[in-house]
Protein backbone atom coordinates (compact mmCIF):
# COMPACT_ATOMS: atom_id res chain seq x y z
CA MET A 1 106.11 157.08 134.05
CA ASP A 2 104.15 155.01 130.96
CA VAL A 3 100.63 155.28 131.92
CA HIS A 4 99.78 153.18 129.47
CA GLN A 5 102.20 149.82 129.78
CA GLY A 6 102.25 150.32 133.67
CA ARG A 7 106.08 150.87 133.21
CA CYS A 8 108.72 153.39 134.94
CA ALA A 9 112.25 154.64 132.79
CA GLY A 10 114.33 152.35 132.43
CA GLU A 11 112.49 148.96 133.13
CA PRO A 12 112.57 146.26 131.34
CA LEU A 13 109.85 145.88 128.20
CA THR A 14 108.56 142.51 130.21
CA ASP A 15 104.32 142.49 130.84
CA HIS A 16 103.65 140.76 133.77
CA TYR A 17 100.35 138.28 134.75
CA ALA A 18 99.79 135.52 137.19
CA VAL A 19 97.57 133.35 138.27
CA ILE A 20 94.98 133.96 141.34
CA GLY A 21 93.66 131.91 143.87
CA ASN A 22 93.50 130.37 147.55
CA PRO A 23 95.42 127.84 147.38
CA VAL A 24 97.41 128.19 144.03
CA ALA A 25 101.18 127.24 145.04
CA GLN A 26 100.12 124.13 143.06
CA SER A 27 99.07 125.72 139.40
CA LYS A 28 100.82 124.96 136.24
CA SER A 29 99.53 128.33 134.82
CA PRO A 30 103.32 129.64 135.21
CA GLY A 31 104.80 126.42 133.26
CA ILE A 32 102.39 126.44 130.76
CA HIS A 33 102.10 130.39 130.20
CA ALA A 34 106.34 130.17 129.94
CA ALA A 35 105.85 127.99 127.28
CA PHE A 36 103.20 129.97 124.99
CA ALA A 37 105.58 133.32 125.48
CA ARG A 38 108.60 131.37 124.31
CA ALA A 39 106.90 129.43 120.99
CA THR A 40 104.87 132.88 119.71
CA GLY A 41 108.34 135.37 121.00
CA HIS A 42 106.35 137.28 123.19
CA ALA A 43 108.44 138.81 126.64
CA MET A 44 106.87 138.43 129.51
CA GLU A 45 106.62 137.63 133.47
CA TYR A 46 104.40 135.27 135.25
CA ARG A 47 103.82 134.15 137.85
CA THR A 48 101.76 133.03 141.44
CA ILE A 49 99.51 135.10 143.16
CA LEU A 50 98.27 133.64 146.81
CA ALA A 51 95.21 135.96 148.10
CA PRO A 52 93.78 136.39 151.53
CA ARG A 53 90.17 134.93 151.34
CA ASP A 54 88.60 137.87 152.18
CA ALA A 55 90.65 140.69 150.23
CA PHE A 56 90.80 139.43 146.96
CA ALA A 57 89.70 143.03 145.35
CA ALA A 58 93.14 144.07 147.47
CA SER A 59 94.74 141.67 146.37
CA VAL A 60 94.63 142.09 142.00
CA ALA A 61 94.38 146.01 143.12
CA ARG A 62 98.00 145.69 144.66
CA PHE A 63 99.20 143.67 140.94
CA ALA A 64 97.63 146.36 139.01
CA GLY A 65 99.65 149.15 141.04
CA VAL A 66 103.37 147.20 139.85
CA GLY A 67 101.71 147.52 137.04
CA GLY A 68 99.85 143.98 136.01
CA GLN A 69 97.99 143.23 132.64
CA GLY A 70 96.52 140.24 132.85
CA LEU A 71 94.61 137.62 135.93
CA ASN A 72 93.70 134.35 134.84
CA VAL A 73 91.45 133.34 138.23
CA THR A 74 91.05 130.13 140.43
CA VAL A 75 89.34 128.94 143.22
CA PRO A 76 87.68 130.19 145.24
CA PHE A 77 87.33 133.61 143.34
CA LYS A 78 86.08 133.54 140.17
CA VAL A 79 82.45 135.02 141.16
CA GLU A 80 84.63 138.17 142.33
CA ALA A 81 86.43 138.65 139.62
CA PHE A 82 83.09 138.54 137.66
CA ALA A 83 82.31 141.28 140.11
CA LEU A 84 85.40 143.02 139.83
CA ALA A 85 84.96 143.01 136.60
CA ARG A 86 84.33 146.96 134.85
CA THR A 87 83.62 144.98 131.27
CA ARG A 88 83.07 141.66 130.54
CA SER A 89 82.45 139.41 127.65
CA ALA A 90 79.26 137.44 127.10
CA ARG A 91 80.63 134.08 127.76
CA ALA A 92 81.49 135.96 131.31
CA GLU A 93 78.04 137.22 132.11
CA SER A 94 76.23 134.07 130.61
CA ALA A 95 78.85 131.94 133.41
CA GLY A 96 78.16 134.62 136.05
CA ALA A 97 82.05 134.42 136.40
CA CYS A 98 85.52 134.84 135.63
CA ASN A 99 88.39 133.08 134.70
CA THR A 100 90.57 135.47 133.63
CA LEU A 101 90.63 139.53 133.97
CA LYS A 102 92.64 141.42 131.27
CA ARG A 103 93.82 145.03 132.34
CA GLU A 104 92.16 148.24 130.18
CA GLY A 105 92.89 151.48 131.52
CA ASP A 106 92.39 152.10 134.99
CA GLY A 107 89.69 148.57 135.03
CA TRP A 108 89.62 145.76 134.12
CA HIS A 109 87.83 143.24 131.58
CA GLY A 110 86.52 139.97 132.87
CA ASP A 111 86.47 137.20 130.65
CA ASN A 112 85.13 133.73 131.05
CA THR A 113 87.54 130.67 129.29
CA ASP A 114 86.53 127.30 130.97
CA GLY A 115 84.00 126.50 128.51
CA ALA A 116 86.13 126.92 125.18
CA GLY A 117 88.98 125.41 126.84
CA LEU A 118 86.96 121.90 128.10
CA LEU A 119 84.87 122.19 124.08
CA ARG A 120 88.20 122.22 122.85
CA ASP A 121 90.04 119.73 125.26
CA LEU A 122 86.77 117.03 124.77
CA THR A 123 86.20 117.41 120.94
CA SER A 124 89.66 118.55 119.13
CA ASN A 125 92.06 116.55 121.82
CA LEU A 126 89.80 113.41 122.79
CA GLY A 127 87.61 113.09 119.83
CA VAL A 128 84.07 113.36 122.19
CA ALA A 129 81.37 114.18 119.88
CA VAL A 130 78.80 115.95 122.32
CA ALA A 131 76.19 116.80 119.20
CA GLY A 132 73.22 114.16 120.12
CA ARG A 133 74.65 113.25 123.37
CA ASP A 134 73.02 113.25 126.25
CA VAL A 135 75.72 115.40 128.92
CA LEU A 136 75.45 115.67 132.64
CA VAL A 137 77.95 118.69 134.60
CA LEU A 138 78.20 117.95 138.29
CA GLY A 139 78.50 120.39 140.14
CA ALA A 140 77.34 124.32 140.41
CA GLY A 141 80.51 126.68 141.02
CA GLY A 142 82.54 128.65 139.14
CA ALA A 143 84.00 125.77 137.08
CA ALA A 144 80.65 124.67 135.89
CA ARG A 145 79.68 128.14 134.90
CA GLY A 146 81.63 127.74 133.23
CA MET A 147 81.44 125.61 130.72
CA LEU A 148 77.23 125.55 130.41
CA LEU A 149 76.32 127.33 127.58
CA PRO A 150 79.36 126.10 125.74
CA LEU A 151 78.37 122.59 125.98
CA ALA A 152 75.14 123.87 125.21
CA HIS A 153 75.82 125.93 121.78
CA ALA A 154 77.27 122.51 120.59
CA GLY A 155 74.66 120.74 120.26
CA PRO A 156 73.17 118.10 122.47
CA ARG A 157 70.60 116.06 123.24
CA SER A 158 69.67 117.28 125.94
CA LEU A 159 72.43 119.10 128.97
CA SER A 160 71.54 118.21 132.62
CA ILE A 161 73.20 119.97 136.25
CA ALA A 162 73.38 118.15 139.93
CA ASN A 163 74.67 119.91 143.05
CA ARG A 164 74.31 118.55 146.29
CA THR A 165 72.93 122.16 147.37
CA ALA A 166 69.59 121.95 146.35
CA ALA A 167 68.75 125.06 145.10
CA VAL A 168 71.59 126.72 143.36
CA ALA A 169 71.14 124.14 140.19
CA PRO A 170 68.07 125.68 139.14
CA ALA A 171 69.20 128.64 139.78
CA LEU A 172 72.30 128.67 137.25
CA ALA A 173 70.09 126.84 135.26
CA ASP A 174 67.56 129.66 134.48
CA GLY A 175 70.19 132.00 134.52
CA ILE A 176 71.24 131.34 130.93
CA ALA A 177 67.30 129.85 130.05
CA VAL A 178 68.07 132.85 127.31
CA HIS A 179 70.47 130.97 125.83
CA ALA A 180 70.16 128.04 125.91
CA ARG A 181 67.95 125.05 127.84
CA VAL A 182 69.37 123.42 130.85
CA ASP A 183 67.44 120.22 133.18
CA ALA A 184 68.47 120.93 136.71
CA LEU A 185 67.66 117.71 138.59
CA PRO A 186 68.35 116.72 141.82
CA ILE A 187 70.88 113.96 143.55
CA ASP A 188 68.12 111.84 143.80
CA ALA A 189 66.81 111.94 140.66
CA LEU A 190 70.36 110.75 139.40
CA SER A 191 69.72 107.46 139.54
CA GLN A 192 66.69 107.63 137.03
CA ARG A 193 68.62 109.22 134.22
CA ARG A 194 71.60 107.59 131.61
CA PHE A 195 74.21 109.87 130.78
CA ASP A 196 76.72 109.58 127.53
CA ILE A 197 79.36 111.77 128.89
CA VAL A 198 79.54 113.07 133.08
CA ILE A 199 81.82 115.64 133.53
CA ASN A 200 82.59 116.55 137.59
CA ALA A 201 83.11 120.55 138.17
CA THR A 202 82.81 120.12 141.76
CA SER A 203 85.71 119.38 144.53
CA ALA A 204 84.70 116.34 145.24
CA GLY A 205 87.56 113.84 144.77
CA MET A 206 90.14 115.88 145.09
CA LEU A 207 91.08 114.12 148.94
CA GLU A 208 91.36 110.22 149.05
CA ASP A 209 89.08 108.66 150.54
CA THR A 210 86.11 111.19 150.84
CA PRO A 211 82.88 109.55 150.18
CA LEU A 212 81.41 110.48 146.17
CA PRO A 213 77.83 111.28 146.39
CA TRP A 214 76.33 110.46 143.02
CA PRO A 215 74.70 106.56 142.39
CA THR A 216 77.04 105.19 140.45
CA THR A 217 74.00 103.86 137.76
CA LEU A 218 75.00 107.05 136.03
CA PHE A 219 77.00 106.11 132.38
CA ARG A 220 75.55 104.49 129.68
CA PRO A 221 77.33 101.81 128.01
CA GLY A 222 80.53 104.02 126.16
CA ALA A 223 80.01 106.87 128.44
CA PHE A 224 82.94 109.17 129.25
CA ALA A 225 84.35 110.61 132.19
CA TYR A 226 86.10 114.34 132.59
CA ASP A 227 87.15 114.86 135.81
CA VAL A 228 88.68 119.07 135.51
CA VAL A 229 90.93 117.95 138.28
CA TYR A 230 94.29 116.44 137.13
CA GLY A 231 96.55 114.96 138.55
CA ASP A 232 99.84 112.53 137.77
CA ALA A 233 97.40 109.41 138.27
CA PRO A 234 93.49 108.61 137.76
CA THR A 235 91.50 110.98 140.45
CA LEU A 236 89.17 109.46 143.02
CA PHE A 237 86.56 110.68 140.38
CA ILE A 238 88.11 109.03 137.21
CA ARG A 239 88.34 105.87 139.65
CA TRP A 240 84.99 105.59 141.00
CA ALA A 241 83.75 106.84 137.30
CA ARG A 242 85.69 103.44 135.77
CA ALA A 243 84.52 101.50 138.33
CA ALA A 244 80.53 103.12 137.83
CA GLY A 245 81.63 101.48 133.67
CA ALA A 246 82.57 104.50 132.16
CA ALA A 247 83.92 103.17 129.18
CA ARG A 248 86.65 106.55 128.71
CA SER A 249 87.82 108.99 130.53
CA ALA A 250 90.62 111.62 130.73
CA ASP A 251 90.92 113.99 133.87
CA GLY A 252 91.14 118.41 133.64
CA LEU A 253 94.90 118.71 132.24
CA GLY A 254 93.32 119.45 128.69
CA MET A 255 91.75 121.95 129.52
CA LEU A 256 93.48 123.65 132.20
CA VAL A 257 95.74 123.90 128.99
CA GLU A 258 92.93 125.28 126.04
CA GLN A 259 92.29 127.30 128.60
CA ALA A 260 95.14 128.95 129.08
CA ALA A 261 95.53 129.14 125.82
CA GLU A 262 92.78 130.94 124.61
CA SER A 263 93.61 133.38 127.91
CA PHE A 264 96.81 133.97 126.12
CA ALA A 265 95.34 135.05 122.99
CA LEU A 266 93.06 137.43 124.74
CA TRP A 267 96.13 138.97 126.15
CA ARG A 268 98.36 139.27 123.57
CA GLY A 269 95.86 138.50 120.40
CA VAL A 270 97.65 135.43 119.25
CA ARG A 271 96.09 132.51 120.24
CA PRO A 272 99.23 129.09 121.07
CA ASP A 273 99.63 125.98 119.64
CA THR A 274 98.67 123.80 123.26
CA ALA A 275 99.96 119.67 121.30
CA ALA A 276 103.55 120.87 122.04
CA VAL A 277 103.08 122.13 125.23
CA TYR A 278 100.01 119.28 126.52
CA ALA A 279 102.52 116.67 125.55
CA ALA A 280 105.15 118.26 127.73
CA MET A 281 102.76 118.02 130.86
CA ARG A 282 101.61 114.82 130.78
CA GLU A 283 105.65 113.97 130.55
CA PRO A 284 106.52 111.85 134.31
CA GLN A 285 108.31 114.76 136.31
CA GLY A 286 112.27 113.97 137.76
């Protein structure tokens, strides 16, 4: 066996990657990375791994044992991936969560590409200026953790975070205080504030007919609403935001594609073009 590549003699020279989560069957990541591989001429296999919620580390170890070289990590394992990583990027350290793992020797290097993917989608794809704006992130889970430092570095006038569990948002804000100021707001204080950009980084709204816990007064005239969840039809959050006065909105498909490109670049050393992949993902299926 070639120890560095995790291959036995006679095995095809195909590198192995996957997205790991629970649930994970709905993930669009295999199609995205297959398109990146074709566009860049890289030989790689990419699949899904459904990990039991109490066996993330064991599932990752099994993947490494068959030569796995990189993983995208989705809910609910981003914080566990951070703990598992032997080395971490600065953006993973600031987030306290990893959505990307790269095999290095006999361990894993952890990164967080969520914030970079979000910022690129907002600014490059959607033409939304973050600098000088009042920005609110709803939620304090793995997705929100990865957003805060990149958003702060983009120069907003204010950056706030709100979470239904009152103690979580202040702890997250304190955790990156050395890098940037983030205001942790209780849900009941949101009715006193207005924002230019509101980003839903929670799972709220994934199920139809779920009451959303935020006041409908969040949006300043001309405001932009962004949902990290994506779908073929507008999400519940997007519909709610439009009804509440958001002038523009987008779901998280662009963020998914852009963060995937960041992961691909970490693994393969080249950042693929995303425009064609995004356009193909938006085409009606069937």
